[in-house]
């Protein structure tokens, strides 16, 4: 883009600005700068235009340094996410190839990942027996409920058949 010359007024000071930015962008910046300087002048009657301009410049420099720091942090975070994504893709490829080669099932292929992500705690024998009994009781209740539902379905089916026959 070609450089253009803009005649602007900031805090009642006429000046020329040469920029390769669009006119709307330059005028927006000039407007914001003028407003900030005027706000400082209104808040502190003893400040000169030079003082207000320097304070505004300091604020903009501070914002720029903070923004650069945020950008560096975000770039580092993106690099970390990218490295994790690459590692997971490689792991995925290895798991797929081992499954396709018939060397492992889905369950055995997932074991290293599961062990890495979840700490497996040892359960005392008494708790194992208690949990096994609970699981057995739940299994029995499930089977009973399944039989009840099956029986209810058969009863409803008989009722519908009898209604269809006209009885």
Protein backbone atom coordinates (compact mmCIF):
# COMPACT_ATOMS: atom_id res chain seq x y z
CA UNK A 1 0.00 0.00 0.00
CA UNK A 2 1.22 3.51 -0.79
CA UNK A 3 2.03 5.97 1.94
CA UNK A 4 -0.38 8.85 2.32
CA UNK A 5 -0.12 12.18 4.07
CA UNK A 6 -2.81 13.05 6.61
CA UNK A 7 -3.33 16.48 8.17
CA UNK A 8 -4.69 15.96 11.69
CA UNK A 9 -5.26 17.88 14.90
CA UNK A 10 -4.42 16.28 18.27
CA UNK A 11 -5.12 18.31 21.42
CA UNK A 12 -5.40 21.49 19.32
CA UNK A 13 -2.00 20.86 17.73
CA UNK A 14 -1.96 20.65 13.91
CA UNK A 15 0.39 18.07 12.42
CA UNK A 16 0.99 15.97 9.33
CA UNK A 17 1.16 12.20 9.54
CA UNK A 18 2.52 9.96 6.81
CA UNK A 19 1.21 6.39 6.95
CA UNK A 20 0.55 3.40 4.73
CA UNK A 21 -2.59 2.61 6.74
CA UNK A 22 -6.12 3.32 5.53
CA UNK A 23 -7.60 6.72 6.33
CA UNK A 24 -10.32 5.27 8.62
CA UNK A 25 -7.65 3.55 10.73
CA UNK A 26 -5.49 6.67 11.04
CA UNK A 27 -8.45 8.87 11.93
CA UNK A 28 -9.62 6.38 14.55
CA UNK A 29 -6.16 6.35 16.18
CA UNK A 30 -5.97 10.15 16.10
CA UNK A 31 -9.43 10.39 17.66
CA UNK A 32 -8.54 7.96 20.48
CA UNK A 33 -5.24 9.72 21.17
CA UNK A 34 -6.89 13.14 21.19
CA UNK A 35 -9.59 11.89 23.58
CA UNK A 36 -7.02 10.37 25.98
CA UNK A 37 -4.91 13.53 26.06
CA UNK A 38 -7.99 15.72 26.60
CA UNK A 39 -9.16 13.44 29.44
CA UNK A 40 -5.80 13.75 31.20
CA UNK A 41 -5.83 17.54 30.73
CA UNK A 42 -9.36 17.75 32.15
CA UNK A 43 -8.51 15.61 35.17
CA UNK A 44 -5.33 17.48 36.06
CA UNK A 45 -5.43 21.22 35.49
CA UNK A 46 -1.68 21.53 36.21
CA UNK A 47 -0.68 19.09 33.43
CA UNK A 48 0.61 20.54 30.21
CA UNK A 49 -0.16 19.09 26.79
CA UNK A 50 3.36 17.66 26.80
CA UNK A 51 2.74 15.95 30.16
CA UNK A 52 -0.56 14.53 28.90
CA UNK A 53 1.09 13.33 25.67
CA UNK A 54 3.88 11.63 27.63
CA UNK A 55 1.41 9.96 30.02
CA UNK A 56 -0.65 8.75 27.05
CA UNK A 57 2.51 7.43 25.36
CA UNK A 58 3.47 5.61 28.57
CA UNK A 59 0.02 4.03 28.78
CA UNK A 60 0.24 2.85 25.17
CA UNK A 61 3.78 1.51 25.71
CA UNK A 62 2.60 -0.34 28.82
CA UNK A 63 -0.35 -1.84 26.93
CA UNK A 64 1.98 -2.92 24.12
CA UNK A 65 4.42 -4.64 26.51
CA UNK A 66 1.52 -6.43 28.23
CA UNK A 67 0.08 -7.47 24.86
CA UNK A 68 3.48 -8.80 23.73
CA UNK A 69 3.76 -10.80 26.95
CA UNK A 70 0.26 -12.25 26.41
CA UNK A 71 1.21 -13.15 22.83
CA UNK A 72 4.37 -14.95 24.02
CA UNK A 73 2.36 -16.84 26.65
CA UNK A 74 -0.27 -17.82 24.09
CA UNK A 75 2.40 -18.90 21.62
CA UNK A 76 4.01 -21.08 24.31
CA UNK A 77 0.61 -22.55 25.17
CA UNK A 78 -0.10 -23.26 21.50
CA UNK A 79 3.31 -24.93 21.15
CA UNK A 80 2.51 -27.13 24.16
CA UNK A 81 -0.91 -28.04 22.75
CA UNK A 82 0.71 -28.75 19.38
CA UNK A 83 3.32 -31.04 20.96
CA UNK A 84 0.60 -32.90 22.90
CA UNK A 85 -1.50 -33.22 19.76
CA UNK A 86 1.47 -34.59 17.79
CA UNK A 87 2.23 -37.09 20.59
CA UNK A 88 -1.41 -38.22 20.70
CA UNK A 89 -1.55 -38.62 16.92
CA UNK A 90 1.61 -40.74 16.99
CA UNK A 91 0.14 -42.84 19.81
CA UNK A 92 -3.09 -43.19 17.84
CA UNK A 93 -1.20 -44.36 14.75
CA UNK A 94 0.76 -46.92 16.81
CA UNK A 95 -2.43 -48.22 18.43
CA UNK A 96 -4.25 -48.48 15.09
CA UNK A 97 -1.36 -50.33 13.48
CA UNK A 98 -1.04 -52.75 16.40
CA UNK A 99 -4.79 -53.43 16.26
CA UNK A 100 -4.76 -53.88 12.48
CA UNK A 101 -1.73 -56.18 12.68
CA UNK A 102 -3.72 -58.35 15.07
CA UNK A 103 -1.14 -57.94 17.78
CA UNK A 104 -3.58 -56.40 20.21
CA UNK A 105 -7.24 -55.92 20.80
CA UNK A 106 -8.82 -52.56 21.44
CA UNK A 107 -8.84 -53.28 25.17
CA UNK A 108 -5.17 -54.27 25.37
CA UNK A 109 -4.11 -51.40 23.13
CA UNK A 110 -5.86 -48.91 25.40
CA UNK A 111 -4.27 -50.26 28.60
CA UNK A 112 -1.09 -48.11 28.48
CA UNK A 113 -3.15 -44.96 27.97
CA UNK A 114 -5.58 -45.82 30.73
CA UNK A 115 -2.78 -46.67 33.14
CA UNK A 116 -1.01 -43.42 32.27
CA UNK A 117 -4.07 -41.25 32.80
CA UNK A 118 -5.69 -43.02 35.77
CA UNK A 119 -3.82 -44.18 38.84
CA UNK A 120 -4.91 -47.67 39.73
CA UNK A 121 -5.24 -48.13 43.45
CA UNK A 122 -4.98 -51.48 45.17
CA UNK A 123 -8.24 -52.52 46.82
CA UNK A 124 -8.11 -54.57 50.05
CA UNK A 125 -9.45 -58.14 49.82
CA UNK A 126 -12.40 -57.41 52.17
CA UNK A 127 -13.54 -54.59 49.88
CA UNK A 128 -13.09 -56.80 46.81
CA UNK A 129 -15.38 -59.45 48.32
CA UNK A 130 -17.89 -56.81 49.39
CA UNK A 131 -17.89 -55.26 45.93
CA UNK A 132 -18.21 -58.67 44.30
CA UNK A 133 -21.25 -59.45 46.48
CA UNK A 134 -22.79 -56.08 45.66
CA UNK A 135 -22.16 -56.63 41.95
CA UNK A 136 -23.72 -60.11 42.20
CA UNK A 137 -26.79 -58.68 44.02
CA UNK A 138 -27.17 -55.96 41.40
CA UNK A 139 -26.85 -58.56 38.66
CA UNK A 140 -29.59 -60.69 40.28
CA UNK A 141 -31.87 -57.64 40.66
CA UNK A 142 -31.25 -56.75 37.03
CA UNK A 143 -32.17 -60.26 35.88
CA UNK A 144 -35.34 -60.23 38.02
CA UNK A 145 -36.38 -56.85 36.61
CA UNK A 146 -35.63 -58.07 33.10
CA UNK A 147 -37.89 -61.09 33.65
CA UNK A 148 -40.66 -58.85 35.05
CA UNK A 149 -40.52 -56.56 32.02
CA UNK A 150 -40.50 -59.58 29.71
CA UNK A 151 -43.53 -61.01 31.50
CA UNK A 152 -45.37 -57.66 31.34
CA UNK A 153 -44.66 -57.42 27.60
CA UNK A 154 -45.98 -60.94 27.04
CA UNK A 155 -49.17 -60.10 29.02
CA UNK A 156 -49.74 -56.95 26.97
CA UNK A 157 -49.12 -58.90 23.76
CA UNK A 158 -51.73 -61.50 24.82
CA UNK A 159 -54.22 -58.71 25.63
CA UNK A 160 -53.67 -57.13 22.23
CA UNK A 161 -54.08 -60.50 20.49
CA UNK A 162 -57.30 -61.19 22.34
CA UNK A 163 -58.63 -57.74 21.43
CA UNK A 164 -57.78 -58.37 17.80
CA UNK A 165 -59.62 -61.72 17.93
CA UNK A 166 -62.60 -59.93 19.44
CA UNK A 167 -62.62 -61.72 22.83
